[in-house]
Amino acid sequence: TAHQWTPSHVQLRPSYVGGIHTATMKFYNSRDDVEYYQVQVTDGKFNPIKFAISGGDNDVFHVRHRQYKTIDVYIPSYEATRVVYICTRSMILKKFETTAVISSKICSKVTNE
């Protein structure tokens, strides 16, 4: 089974910090073979858009098997109208590269209404 990334449709809102929009996402790790995940923010053609996440110096976060995590995603306001997807992708560790392990990617669609 893959991980869970909710809500499936999310609306960006202005942050308390000027010039930043944010979305709060909830993550559940149902995979026992993966503990690291990468956040990706893209436009409709999956071109990357600059962003930051809470609790990290980069776009990768750690969640143990059967654990939940809340992730705040921060996007520059001037980019907010371009955002179409906020995704997570499982990060396969090198020790699994020789075995058949499936990487999963789940996206939430951003509604700009």
C-alpha atoms as a PDB file:
ATOM      1  CA  THR A   1       0.000   0.000   0.000  1.00  0.00           C
ATOM      2  CA  ALA A   2       1.025   3.560  -0.643  1.00  0.00           C
ATOM      3  CA  HIS A   3       1.177   6.433   1.776  1.00  0.00           C
ATOM      4  CA  GLN A   4      -1.682   8.912   2.337  1.00  0.00           C
ATOM      5  CA  TRP A   5      -1.505  12.655   1.608  1.00  0.00           C
ATOM      6  CA  THR A   6      -4.593  14.714   2.456  1.00  0.00           C
ATOM      7  CA  PRO A   7      -6.615  16.699   1.686  1.00  0.00           C
ATOM      8  CA  SER A   8      -6.889  15.630  -1.940  1.00  0.00           C
ATOM      9  CA  HIS A   9      -7.979  19.153  -2.922  1.00  0.00           C
ATOM     10  CA  VAL A  10      -6.366  22.021  -1.044  1.00  0.00           C
ATOM     11  CA  GLN A  11      -6.665  25.788  -1.149  1.00  0.00           C
ATOM     12  CA  LEU A  12      -3.658  28.018  -0.537  1.00  0.00           C
ATOM     13  CA  ARG A  13      -4.203  30.753   2.036  1.00  0.00           C
ATOM     14  CA  PRO A  14      -2.140  33.819   2.943  1.00  0.00           C
ATOM     15  CA  SER A  15       0.324  33.159   5.747  1.00  0.00           C
ATOM     16  CA  TYR A  16       0.835  35.384   8.777  1.00  0.00           C
ATOM     17  CA  VAL A  17       4.198  36.163   7.129  1.00  0.00           C
ATOM     18  CA  GLY A  18       3.807  38.736   4.368  1.00  0.00           C
ATOM     19  CA  GLY A  19       4.416  37.547   0.808  1.00  0.00           C
ATOM     20  CA  ILE A  20       3.856  33.872   1.647  1.00  0.00           C
ATOM     21  CA  HIS A  21       0.937  31.528   0.980  1.00  0.00           C
ATOM     22  CA  THR A  22       0.551  28.265   2.862  1.00  0.00           C
ATOM     23  CA  ALA A  23      -1.257  24.928   2.865  1.00  0.00           C
ATOM     24  CA  THR A  24      -1.476  22.446   5.730  1.00  0.00           C
ATOM     25  CA  MET A  25      -1.198  18.833   4.643  1.00  0.00           C
ATOM     26  CA  LYS A  26      -1.596  15.607   6.601  1.00  0.00           C
ATOM     27  CA  PHE A  27       0.560  12.583   5.892  1.00  0.00           C
ATOM     28  CA  TYR A  28       0.202   8.938   6.939  1.00  0.00           C
ATOM     29  CA  ASN A  29       2.910   6.361   6.275  1.00  0.00           C
ATOM     30  CA  SER A  30       1.324   2.979   5.582  1.00  0.00           C
ATOM     31  CA  ARG A  31       4.547   1.608   4.067  1.00  0.00           C
ATOM     32  CA  ASP A  32       6.824  -0.473   6.278  1.00  0.00           C
ATOM     33  CA  ASP A  33       9.707  -0.257   3.786  1.00  0.00           C
ATOM     34  CA  VAL A  34       9.970   3.557   3.512  1.00  0.00           C
ATOM     35  CA  GLU A  35      10.432   6.252   6.167  1.00  0.00           C
ATOM     36  CA  TYR A  36      11.568   9.241   4.099  1.00  0.00           C
ATOM     37  CA  TYR A  37       9.407  11.251   1.720  1.00  0.00           C
ATOM     38  CA  GLN A  38       9.986  14.240  -0.527  1.00  0.00           C
ATOM     39  CA  VAL A  39       7.534  17.094  -1.049  1.00  0.00           C
ATOM     40  CA  GLN A  40       7.174  18.516  -4.557  1.00  0.00           C
ATOM     41  CA  VAL A  41       5.227  21.632  -5.605  1.00  0.00           C
ATOM     42  CA  THR A  42       4.527  21.956  -9.329  1.00  0.00           C
ATOM     43  CA  ASP A  43       2.506  23.692 -11.996  1.00  0.00           C
ATOM     44  CA  GLY A  44       0.085  21.868 -14.332  1.00  0.00           C
ATOM     45  CA  LYS A  45       2.955  20.479 -16.433  1.00  0.00           C
ATOM     46  CA  PHE A  46       4.824  19.252 -13.323  1.00  0.00           C
ATOM     47  CA  ASN A  47       7.451  21.999 -13.571  1.00  0.00           C
ATOM     48  CA  PRO A  48       8.871  22.660 -10.082  1.00  0.00           C
ATOM     49  CA  ILE A  49       7.903  25.758  -8.078  1.00  0.00           C
ATOM     50  CA  LYS A  50       9.934  27.147  -5.151  1.00  0.00           C
ATOM     51  CA  PHE A  51       8.619  26.277  -1.687  1.00  0.00           C
ATOM     52  CA  ALA A  52       9.620  25.387   1.860  1.00  0.00           C
ATOM     53  CA  ILE A  53       8.140  22.986   4.414  1.00  0.00           C
ATOM     54  CA  SER A  54       7.808  23.154   8.174  1.00  0.00           C
ATOM     55  CA  GLY A  55      10.359  21.359  10.297  1.00  0.00           C
ATOM     56  CA  GLY A  56      12.989  20.879   7.655  1.00  0.00           C
ATOM     57  CA  ASP A  57      15.946  22.504   5.974  1.00  0.00           C
ATOM     58  CA  ASN A  58      14.974  20.916   2.685  1.00  0.00           C
ATOM     59  CA  ASP A  59      12.057  19.151   0.998  1.00  0.00           C
ATOM     60  CA  VAL A  60      12.495  15.725   2.676  1.00  0.00           C
ATOM     61  CA  PHE A  61      10.811  14.613   5.893  1.00  0.00           C
ATOM     62  CA  HIS A  62      10.864  11.481   8.054  1.00  0.00           C
ATOM     63  CA  VAL A  63       7.798   9.492   9.174  1.00  0.00           C
ATOM     64  CA  ARG A  64       7.932   6.037  10.721  1.00  0.00           C
ATOM     65  CA  HIS A  65       5.601   3.229   9.641  1.00  0.00           C
ATOM     66  CA  ARG A  66       1.974   3.768  10.751  1.00  0.00           C
ATOM     67  CA  GLN A  67       2.665   7.307  11.956  1.00  0.00           C
ATOM     68  CA  TYR A  68       1.011  10.615  11.046  1.00  0.00           C
ATOM     69  CA  LYS A  69       2.695  13.939  10.370  1.00  0.00           C
ATOM     70  CA  THR A  70       1.338  17.409   9.647  1.00  0.00           C
ATOM     71  CA  ILE A  71       3.338  19.346   7.064  1.00  0.00           C
ATOM     72  CA  ASP A  72       2.940  23.057   6.394  1.00  0.00           C
ATOM     73  CA  VAL A  73       3.946  24.007   2.852  1.00  0.00           C
ATOM     74  CA  TYR A  74       5.058  27.620   2.263  1.00  0.00           C
ATOM     75  CA  ILE A  75       4.996  29.138  -1.218  1.00  0.00           C
ATOM     76  CA  PRO A  76       5.943  32.681  -2.296  1.00  0.00           C
ATOM     77  CA  SER A  77       2.714  34.613  -2.926  1.00  0.00           C
ATOM     78  CA  TYR A  78       3.867  35.628  -6.420  1.00  0.00           C
ATOM     79  CA  GLU A  79       3.982  31.897  -7.320  1.00  0.00           C
ATOM     80  CA  ALA A  80       0.684  30.913  -5.633  1.00  0.00           C
ATOM     81  CA  THR A  81      -1.489  31.214  -8.761  1.00  0.00           C
ATOM     82  CA  ARG A  82       0.884  28.894 -10.698  1.00  0.00           C
ATOM     83  CA  VAL A  83       0.657  26.037  -8.189  1.00  0.00           C
ATOM     84  CA  VAL A  84      -1.482  23.107  -9.372  1.00  0.00           C
ATOM     85  CA  TYR A  85      -0.093  20.143  -7.398  1.00  0.00           C
ATOM     86  CA  ILE A  86       1.471  19.528  -3.991  1.00  0.00           C
ATOM     87  CA  CYS A  87       2.917  16.019  -4.050  1.00  0.00           C
ATOM     88  CA  THR A  88       4.842  13.544  -1.935  1.00  0.00           C
ATOM     89  CA  ARG A  89       7.205  10.923  -3.301  1.00  0.00           C
ATOM     90  CA  SER A  90       8.680   8.014  -1.380  1.00  0.00           C
ATOM     91  CA  MET A  91      12.457   8.033  -1.067  1.00  0.00           C
ATOM     92  CA  ILE A  92      13.918   4.551  -1.575  1.00  0.00           C
ATOM     93  CA  LEU A  93      17.086   3.951   0.441  1.00  0.00           C
ATOM     94  CA  LYS A  94      20.143   2.590  -1.367  1.00  0.00           C
ATOM     95  CA  LYS A  95      19.961  -0.729   0.486  1.00  0.00           C
ATOM     96  CA  PHE A  96      16.721  -1.464  -1.417  1.00  0.00           C
ATOM     97  CA  GLU A  97      18.013  -0.552  -4.897  1.00  0.00           C
ATOM     98  CA  THR A  98      18.822  -4.151  -5.799  1.00  0.00           C
ATOM     99  CA  THR A  99      15.379  -5.445  -4.833  1.00  0.00           C
ATOM    100  CA  ALA A 100      12.025  -4.771  -6.452  1.00  0.00           C
ATOM    101  CA  VAL A 101      10.712  -1.795  -4.471  1.00  0.00           C
ATOM    102  CA  ILE A 102       8.008   0.484  -5.822  1.00  0.00           C
ATOM    103  CA  SER A 103       8.306   4.235  -5.380  1.00  0.00           C
ATOM    104  CA  SER A 104       4.973   5.908  -4.751  1.00  0.00           C
ATOM    105  CA  LYS A 105       3.903   9.455  -5.597  1.00  0.00           C
ATOM    106  CA  ILE A 106       0.644  11.038  -4.453  1.00  0.00           C
ATOM    107  CA  CYS A 107      -0.515  14.541  -5.388  1.00  0.00           C
ATOM    108  CA  SER A 108      -3.125  16.895  -4.010  1.00  0.00           C
ATOM    109  CA  LYS A 109      -4.685  19.350  -6.433  1.00  0.00           C
ATOM    110  CA  VAL A 110      -4.624  23.020  -5.499  1.00  0.00           C
ATOM    111  CA  THR A 111      -7.836  24.943  -6.122  1.00  0.00           C
ATOM    112  CA  ASN A 112      -7.235  28.641  -6.698  1.00  0.00           C
ATOM    113  CA  GLU A 113     -10.712  29.926  -5.936  1.00  0.00           C
END
